Structure formats: structure tokens, C-alpha cells
Amino acid sequence: MENKLLRIGTTYLPVRNVDLSSEWYVTKLGAVLNYKDKDKAILDFANQSIFLVKAQENQSANFYNSYGEVCFSLTFEVNGLKALEDIHREFKEKDMRVGQIENRGHSGRNFVFYDPDGNKFDVWSELSPIFKEKFFD
């Protein structure tokens, strides 16, 4: 197959209040706000476009695994354990809802954090090899 899917360009996240959520992403995570109206905000963040979409109550990007545990749908990567520890500390200092740094039995370490709407995200201390090769070597 010559034509391949090359990257994920946009992620859509449900939010209750577009104004409050977009402000949170800008101030807490350093996202760049490109567009906003009453129904959506478009952010540049983590090398992709993130759309915050006004959704009905009790919506999130989370899902339950077969054990009934709430799972995140996105993992962000940082470049190494020190970077993970630094961003973990920074998120805590910004009064964000943040989990502990974990050893999950694979390379690197992780922690989870949540946005104001309860969307759960993961942060991993290991950059994917292709990304690292393109942007850090």
C-alpha cells in the first residue's frame, strides 16, 4: 500500500465549558489558542491540533477496560526521567490533579493527570524512537 496514514493530526476532547477549558490548557499546559467560539477551541499542543468540543454533561475521553478501571486515551511523551519528574513537580505546583510517578513494569516511568472535565491523560518518560530521531538527533 503506497498511501499510508502518516500521523494523528487532530485529537478531539469533550469539555463542558470551552472558555474555561481553553484557558486551563493555555495556562497549565502551555497550549497555543488558535481559534475559539462558543462550541469549540482549537489549540496547538504537543505537536498536534487539539479541539476542545463543547459536549453534553458527564462526557470524557476516558473509557473502562475489561477490569472496570478508568483508562486514558492519550499518552504524552517527555525526554527522559528527569523531564518526567520536572513536569510532574510543575503540574503539582500549578494545583493540577496529578497521580504519582509509577513503574508499570516496562521501560521508563509514567504518571497520570486530569483536565478540569475529568479527561485522564498519561505522561511517559520515553520518547518514541522515530520522534526522537527526527527532532532530537
N, C-alpha and C. Protein backbone atom coordinates (compact mmCIF):
# COMPACT_ATOMS: atom_id res chain seq x y z
N MET A 1 0.84 -1.18 0.00
CA MET A 1 0.00 0.00 0.00
C MET A 1 0.89 1.24 0.00
N GLU A 2 0.77 2.05 -1.01
CA GLU A 2 1.58 3.26 -1.12
C GLU A 2 1.07 4.37 -0.21
N ASN A 3 -0.24 4.53 -0.14
CA ASN A 3 -0.81 5.59 0.70
C ASN A 3 -0.98 5.06 2.11
N LYS A 4 -0.33 5.73 3.06
CA LYS A 4 -0.37 5.30 4.45
C LYS A 4 -0.84 6.45 5.32
N LEU A 5 -1.43 6.10 6.44
CA LEU A 5 -1.72 7.11 7.44
C LEU A 5 -0.39 7.48 8.08
N LEU A 6 -0.03 8.76 8.06
CA LEU A 6 1.30 9.18 8.48
C LEU A 6 1.36 9.69 9.90
N ARG A 7 0.30 10.28 10.39
CA ARG A 7 0.33 10.81 11.75
C ARG A 7 -1.09 11.10 12.20
N ILE A 8 -1.25 11.28 13.48
CA ILE A 8 -2.51 11.77 14.01
C ILE A 8 -2.39 13.28 14.05
N GLY A 9 -3.23 13.95 13.32
CA GLY A 9 -3.14 15.40 13.21
C GLY A 9 -4.00 16.14 14.21
N THR A 10 -5.14 15.57 14.58
CA THR A 10 -6.07 16.26 15.46
C THR A 10 -6.67 15.27 16.45
N THR A 11 -6.78 15.72 17.68
CA THR A 11 -7.46 14.96 18.72
C THR A 11 -8.62 15.83 19.22
N TYR A 12 -9.78 15.23 19.43
CA TYR A 12 -10.96 15.93 19.90
C TYR A 12 -11.24 15.53 21.34
N LEU A 13 -11.40 16.52 22.21
CA LEU A 13 -11.67 16.27 23.61
C LEU A 13 -12.98 16.93 24.02
N PRO A 14 -13.84 16.20 24.72
CA PRO A 14 -15.09 16.79 25.18
C PRO A 14 -14.86 17.66 26.41
N VAL A 15 -15.49 18.82 26.43
CA VAL A 15 -15.40 19.73 27.58
C VAL A 15 -16.79 20.31 27.86
N ARG A 16 -17.00 20.75 29.10
CA ARG A 16 -18.28 21.37 29.46
C ARG A 16 -18.31 22.85 29.11
N ASN A 17 -17.19 23.54 29.32
CA ASN A 17 -17.12 24.98 29.13
C ASN A 17 -15.89 25.30 28.29
N VAL A 18 -16.09 25.69 27.07
CA VAL A 18 -14.99 25.94 26.13
C VAL A 18 -14.07 27.05 26.64
N ASP A 19 -14.64 28.12 27.19
CA ASP A 19 -13.82 29.23 27.68
C ASP A 19 -12.91 28.80 28.82
N LEU A 20 -13.49 28.17 29.84
CA LEU A 20 -12.70 27.74 31.00
C LEU A 20 -11.67 26.68 30.63
N SER A 21 -12.07 25.73 29.81
CA SER A 21 -11.15 24.65 29.45
C SER A 21 -10.00 25.15 28.58
N SER A 22 -10.30 26.01 27.62
CA SER A 22 -9.21 26.51 26.77
C SER A 22 -8.24 27.33 27.60
N GLU A 23 -8.74 28.12 28.54
CA GLU A 23 -7.86 28.89 29.43
C GLU A 23 -6.98 27.95 30.25
N TRP A 24 -7.53 26.84 30.74
CA TRP A 24 -6.78 25.87 31.53
C TRP A 24 -5.65 25.27 30.69
N TYR A 25 -5.95 24.86 29.48
CA TYR A 25 -4.92 24.26 28.61
C TYR A 25 -3.82 25.26 28.27
N VAL A 26 -4.19 26.51 28.08
CA VAL A 26 -3.20 27.54 27.76
C VAL A 26 -2.33 27.83 28.99
N THR A 27 -2.94 28.06 30.15
CA THR A 27 -2.16 28.46 31.32
C THR A 27 -1.44 27.30 32.00
N LYS A 28 -2.05 26.14 32.05
CA LYS A 28 -1.45 25.00 32.76
C LYS A 28 -0.50 24.19 31.88
N LEU A 29 -0.83 24.04 30.60
CA LEU A 29 -0.04 23.16 29.74
C LEU A 29 0.73 23.90 28.65
N GLY A 30 0.53 25.19 28.52
CA GLY A 30 1.27 25.95 27.52
C GLY A 30 0.75 25.79 26.10
N ALA A 31 -0.49 25.36 25.95
CA ALA A 31 -1.08 25.24 24.62
C ALA A 31 -1.22 26.63 23.99
N VAL A 32 -1.24 26.66 22.67
CA VAL A 32 -1.44 27.91 21.93
C VAL A 32 -2.87 27.88 21.38
N LEU A 33 -3.64 28.91 21.74
CA LEU A 33 -5.01 29.02 21.28
C LEU A 33 -5.04 29.63 19.88
N ASN A 34 -5.56 28.88 18.91
CA ASN A 34 -5.64 29.36 17.53
C ASN A 34 -7.01 29.86 17.13
N TYR A 35 -8.04 29.34 17.79
CA TYR A 35 -9.41 29.72 17.44
C TYR A 35 -10.31 29.33 18.59
N LYS A 36 -11.36 30.14 18.80
CA LYS A 36 -12.34 29.78 19.82
C LYS A 36 -13.68 30.41 19.46
N ASP A 37 -14.74 29.62 19.60
CA ASP A 37 -16.10 30.14 19.54
C ASP A 37 -16.88 29.46 20.66
N LYS A 38 -18.20 29.58 20.68
CA LYS A 38 -18.97 29.04 21.80
C LYS A 38 -19.01 27.51 21.82
N ASP A 39 -18.67 26.87 20.72
CA ASP A 39 -18.78 25.42 20.62
C ASP A 39 -17.45 24.67 20.63
N LYS A 40 -16.35 25.40 20.37
CA LYS A 40 -15.07 24.69 20.28
C LYS A 40 -13.91 25.67 20.43
N ALA A 41 -12.77 25.10 20.78
CA ALA A 41 -11.50 25.83 20.77
C ALA A 41 -10.49 24.95 20.05
N ILE A 42 -9.63 25.57 19.27
CA ILE A 42 -8.59 24.84 18.54
C ILE A 42 -7.25 25.26 19.12
N LEU A 43 -6.51 24.28 19.62
CA LEU A 43 -5.23 24.52 20.26
C LEU A 43 -4.10 23.83 19.51
N ASP A 44 -2.92 24.43 19.50
CA ASP A 44 -1.69 23.75 19.11
C ASP A 44 -1.05 23.29 20.40
N PHE A 45 -0.79 21.99 20.47
CA PHE A 45 -0.29 21.45 21.72
C PHE A 45 0.32 20.08 21.45
N ALA A 46 1.51 19.85 21.97
CA ALA A 46 2.18 18.55 21.87
C ALA A 46 2.29 18.06 20.43
N ASN A 47 2.66 18.96 19.54
CA ASN A 47 2.88 18.63 18.13
C ASN A 47 1.64 18.14 17.40
N GLN A 48 0.48 18.59 17.83
CA GLN A 48 -0.72 18.31 17.07
C GLN A 48 -1.80 19.33 17.40
N SER A 49 -2.88 19.25 16.70
CA SER A 49 -4.01 20.13 16.93
C SER A 49 -4.98 19.43 17.87
N ILE A 50 -5.38 20.15 18.91
CA ILE A 50 -6.34 19.62 19.88
C ILE A 50 -7.60 20.47 19.79
N PHE A 51 -8.74 19.83 19.53
CA PHE A 51 -10.02 20.53 19.51
C PHE A 51 -10.72 20.24 20.83
N LEU A 52 -11.07 21.30 21.55
CA LEU A 52 -11.90 21.17 22.74
C LEU A 52 -13.33 21.43 22.28
N VAL A 53 -14.18 20.42 22.37
CA VAL A 53 -15.52 20.49 21.82
C VAL A 53 -16.54 20.49 22.96
N LYS A 54 -17.42 21.48 22.95
CA LYS A 54 -18.47 21.54 23.96
C LYS A 54 -19.33 20.30 23.83
N ALA A 55 -19.41 19.56 24.93
CA ALA A 55 -20.12 18.28 24.92
C ALA A 55 -21.22 18.28 25.98
N GLN A 56 -22.03 17.26 25.95
CA GLN A 56 -23.06 17.09 26.97
C GLN A 56 -22.40 16.76 28.30
N GLU A 57 -23.14 16.91 29.38
CA GLU A 57 -22.64 16.61 30.72
C GLU A 57 -22.14 15.17 30.81
N ASN A 58 -21.17 14.97 31.68
CA ASN A 58 -20.63 13.64 32.01
C ASN A 58 -19.97 12.94 30.83
N GLN A 59 -19.42 13.70 29.90
CA GLN A 59 -18.67 13.13 28.79
C GLN A 59 -17.19 13.30 29.05
N SER A 60 -16.39 12.31 28.65
CA SER A 60 -14.93 12.44 28.71
C SER A 60 -14.33 11.53 27.67
N ALA A 61 -13.03 11.68 27.46
CA ALA A 61 -12.32 10.83 26.52
C ALA A 61 -11.90 9.51 27.17
N ASN A 62 -12.22 9.32 28.44
CA ASN A 62 -11.85 8.11 29.17
C ASN A 62 -12.71 6.93 28.75
N PHE A 63 -12.23 5.74 29.06
CA PHE A 63 -13.02 4.53 28.84
C PHE A 63 -12.67 3.53 29.93
N TYR A 64 -13.48 2.49 30.05
CA TYR A 64 -13.25 1.44 31.05
C TYR A 64 -12.68 0.21 30.38
N ASN A 65 -11.61 -0.35 30.99
CA ASN A 65 -11.06 -1.59 30.45
C ASN A 65 -11.88 -2.77 30.96
N SER A 66 -11.48 -3.97 30.60
CA SER A 66 -12.26 -5.17 30.95
C SER A 66 -12.29 -5.44 32.45
N TYR A 67 -11.43 -4.77 33.23
CA TYR A 67 -11.42 -4.92 34.68
C TYR A 67 -12.21 -3.81 35.37
N GLY A 68 -12.84 -2.94 34.60
CA GLY A 68 -13.63 -1.85 35.16
C GLY A 68 -12.81 -0.65 35.59
N GLU A 69 -11.55 -0.59 35.17
CA GLU A 69 -10.68 0.54 35.53
C GLU A 69 -10.79 1.64 34.48
N VAL A 70 -10.81 2.89 34.94
CA VAL A 70 -10.86 4.03 34.02
C VAL A 70 -9.50 4.17 33.34
N CYS A 71 -9.52 4.24 32.02
CA CYS A 71 -8.29 4.34 31.24
C CYS A 71 -8.23 5.68 30.51
N PHE A 72 -7.02 6.14 30.26
CA PHE A 72 -6.78 7.34 29.48
C PHE A 72 -6.73 6.95 28.01
N SER A 73 -6.97 7.94 27.15
CA SER A 73 -6.92 7.67 25.71
C SER A 73 -5.68 8.27 25.07
N LEU A 74 -4.90 9.07 25.83
CA LEU A 74 -3.71 9.71 25.28
C LEU A 74 -2.54 9.59 26.25
N THR A 75 -1.36 9.31 25.69
CA THR A 75 -0.12 9.36 26.46
C THR A 75 0.78 10.41 25.83
N PHE A 76 1.20 11.36 26.63
CA PHE A 76 2.18 12.35 26.20
C PHE A 76 3.56 11.83 26.55
N GLU A 77 4.55 12.18 25.75
CA GLU A 77 5.92 11.73 25.99
C GLU A 77 6.80 12.91 26.35
N VAL A 78 7.74 12.67 27.26
CA VAL A 78 8.78 13.64 27.58
C VAL A 78 10.12 12.95 27.37
N ASN A 79 11.20 13.72 27.36
CA ASN A 79 12.51 13.18 27.03
C ASN A 79 13.30 12.82 28.28
N GLY A 80 12.96 11.68 28.89
CA GLY A 80 13.73 11.15 30.00
C GLY A 80 13.08 11.31 31.36
N LEU A 81 13.65 10.59 32.33
CA LEU A 81 13.11 10.55 33.69
C LEU A 81 13.17 11.92 34.36
N LYS A 82 14.26 12.64 34.19
CA LYS A 82 14.36 13.97 34.81
C LYS A 82 13.27 14.88 34.27
N ALA A 83 13.03 14.85 32.98
CA ALA A 83 11.97 15.67 32.38
C ALA A 83 10.61 15.27 32.95
N LEU A 84 10.38 13.97 33.15
CA LEU A 84 9.13 13.49 33.73
C LEU A 84 8.98 14.01 35.16
N GLU A 85 10.04 13.91 35.95
CA GLU A 85 10.00 14.38 37.33
C GLU A 85 9.78 15.89 37.38
N ASP A 86 10.42 16.63 36.49
CA ASP A 86 10.27 18.08 36.45
C ASP A 86 8.83 18.49 36.10
N ILE A 87 8.26 17.87 35.08
CA ILE A 87 6.91 18.25 34.68
C ILE A 87 5.89 17.79 35.73
N HIS A 88 6.14 16.67 36.37
CA HIS A 88 5.28 16.19 37.46
C HIS A 88 5.25 17.23 38.58
N ARG A 89 6.42 17.72 38.98
CA ARG A 89 6.52 18.73 40.03
C ARG A 89 5.83 20.03 39.59
N GLU A 90 6.06 20.43 38.34
CA GLU A 90 5.44 21.65 37.80
C GLU A 90 3.92 21.55 37.82
N PHE A 91 3.38 20.41 37.40
CA PHE A 91 1.93 20.22 37.40
C PHE A 91 1.37 20.31 38.83
N LYS A 92 2.06 19.71 39.78
CA LYS A 92 1.62 19.79 41.18
C LYS A 92 1.66 21.22 41.69
N GLU A 93 2.70 21.96 41.33
CA GLU A 93 2.81 23.37 41.74
C GLU A 93 1.70 24.22 41.13
N LYS A 94 1.17 23.82 39.99
CA LYS A 94 0.06 24.53 39.35
C LYS A 94 -1.30 24.06 39.85
N ASP A 95 -1.28 23.25 40.92
CA ASP A 95 -2.51 22.73 41.54
C ASP A 95 -3.35 21.90 40.57
N MET A 96 -2.68 21.16 39.70
CA MET A 96 -3.38 20.26 38.80
C MET A 96 -3.61 18.93 39.52
N ARG A 97 -4.63 18.22 39.12
CA ARG A 97 -4.88 16.87 39.65
C ARG A 97 -3.90 15.91 38.97
N VAL A 98 -2.95 15.38 39.78
CA VAL A 98 -1.84 14.60 39.26
C VAL A 98 -1.67 13.34 40.10
N GLY A 99 -1.42 12.20 39.43
CA GLY A 99 -1.12 10.96 40.13
C GLY A 99 0.36 10.86 40.45
N GLN A 100 0.73 9.80 41.15
CA GLN A 100 2.12 9.55 41.50
C GLN A 100 2.90 9.02 40.29
N ILE A 101 4.20 9.22 40.30
CA ILE A 101 5.05 8.60 39.28
C ILE A 101 5.07 7.10 39.54
N GLU A 102 4.85 6.32 38.48
CA GLU A 102 4.69 4.88 38.61
C GLU A 102 5.72 4.11 37.78
N ASN A 103 6.05 2.93 38.26
CA ASN A 103 6.79 1.93 37.50
C ASN A 103 5.76 0.90 37.08
N ARG A 104 5.47 0.82 35.80
CA ARG A 104 4.44 -0.09 35.30
C ARG A 104 5.02 -1.37 34.72
N GLY A 105 6.31 -1.61 34.97
CA GLY A 105 6.92 -2.85 34.53
C GLY A 105 7.50 -2.83 33.13
N HIS A 106 7.46 -1.70 32.47
CA HIS A 106 8.08 -1.55 31.15
C HIS A 106 9.11 -0.45 31.26
N SER A 107 9.80 -0.16 30.18
CA SER A 107 10.83 0.88 30.24
C SER A 107 10.21 2.23 30.59
N GLY A 108 10.96 3.03 31.30
CA GLY A 108 10.51 4.36 31.66
C GLY A 108 9.55 4.37 32.83
N ARG A 109 9.07 5.55 33.14
CA ARG A 109 8.10 5.77 34.22
C ARG A 109 6.95 6.61 33.67
N ASN A 110 5.84 6.59 34.38
CA ASN A 110 4.64 7.29 33.94
C ASN A 110 3.95 7.96 35.13
N PHE A 111 3.10 8.92 34.81
CA PHE A 111 2.11 9.43 35.77
C PHE A 111 0.90 9.90 34.98
N VAL A 112 -0.23 10.00 35.66
CA VAL A 112 -1.45 10.48 35.03
C VAL A 112 -1.80 11.86 35.57
N PHE A 113 -2.53 12.61 34.76
CA PHE A 113 -3.10 13.87 35.20
C PHE A 113 -4.47 14.04 34.55
N TYR A 114 -5.23 15.00 35.06
CA TYR A 114 -6.60 15.21 34.60
C TYR A 114 -6.82 16.67 34.26
N ASP A 115 -7.65 16.91 33.25
CA ASP A 115 -8.07 18.29 32.97
C ASP A 115 -9.31 18.59 33.83
N PRO A 116 -9.83 19.80 33.79
CA PRO A 116 -10.97 20.15 34.64
C PRO A 116 -12.24 19.35 34.35
N ASP A 117 -12.32 18.75 33.17
CA ASP A 117 -13.50 17.96 32.80
C ASP A 117 -13.34 16.47 33.12
N GLY A 118 -12.24 16.11 33.76
CA GLY A 118 -12.02 14.71 34.12
C GLY A 118 -11.37 13.89 33.04
N ASN A 119 -10.99 14.50 31.91
CA ASN A 119 -10.25 13.75 30.89
C ASN A 119 -8.92 13.35 31.50
N LYS A 120 -8.64 12.06 31.48
CA LYS A 120 -7.44 11.50 32.09
C LYS A 120 -6.37 11.33 31.02
N PHE A 121 -5.15 11.79 31.32
CA PHE A 121 -4.04 11.69 30.39
C PHE A 121 -2.85 11.03 31.09
N ASP A 122 -1.98 10.45 30.30
CA ASP A 122 -0.79 9.79 30.79
C ASP A 122 0.43 10.55 30.29
N VAL A 123 1.50 10.54 31.08
CA VAL A 123 2.78 11.10 30.65
C VAL A 123 3.82 10.00 30.84
N TRP A 124 4.63 9.76 29.81
CA TRP A 124 5.64 8.69 29.81
C TRP A 124 7.00 9.32 29.62
N SER A 125 7.99 8.79 30.29
CA SER A 125 9.34 9.36 30.26
C SER A 125 10.15 8.97 29.03
N GLU A 126 9.57 8.25 28.11
CA GLU A 126 10.32 7.77 26.94
C GLU A 126 9.74 8.33 25.65
N LEU A 127 10.58 8.99 24.87
CA LEU A 127 10.15 9.45 23.55
C LEU A 127 10.18 8.29 22.57
N SER A 128 9.22 8.27 21.65
CA SER A 128 9.23 7.23 20.63
C SER A 128 10.50 7.40 19.79
N PRO A 129 11.12 6.30 19.39
CA PRO A 129 12.39 6.37 18.65
C PRO A 129 12.31 7.22 17.38
N ILE A 130 11.23 7.12 16.62
CA ILE A 130 11.12 7.88 15.37
C ILE A 130 11.05 9.37 15.67
N PHE A 131 10.28 9.77 16.67
CA PHE A 131 10.18 11.18 17.04
C PHE A 131 11.53 11.69 17.53
N LYS A 132 12.18 10.90 18.36
CA LYS A 132 13.48 11.29 18.91
C LYS A 132 14.51 11.46 17.78
N GLU A 133 14.50 10.54 16.83
CA GLU A 133 15.43 10.61 15.70
C GLU A 133 15.19 11.86 14.85
N LYS A 134 13.92 12.18 14.59
CA LYS A 134 13.59 13.32 13.73
C LYS A 134 13.86 14.66 14.40
N PHE A 135 13.63 14.74 15.71
CA PHE A 135 13.63 16.04 16.35
C PHE A 135 14.72 16.25 17.39
N PHE A 136 15.45 15.20 17.80
CA PHE A 136 16.43 15.36 18.86
C PHE A 136 17.82 14.90 18.48
N ASP A 137 17.99 14.20 17.38
CA ASP A 137 19.32 13.74 16.98
C ASP A 137 19.96 14.67 15.98
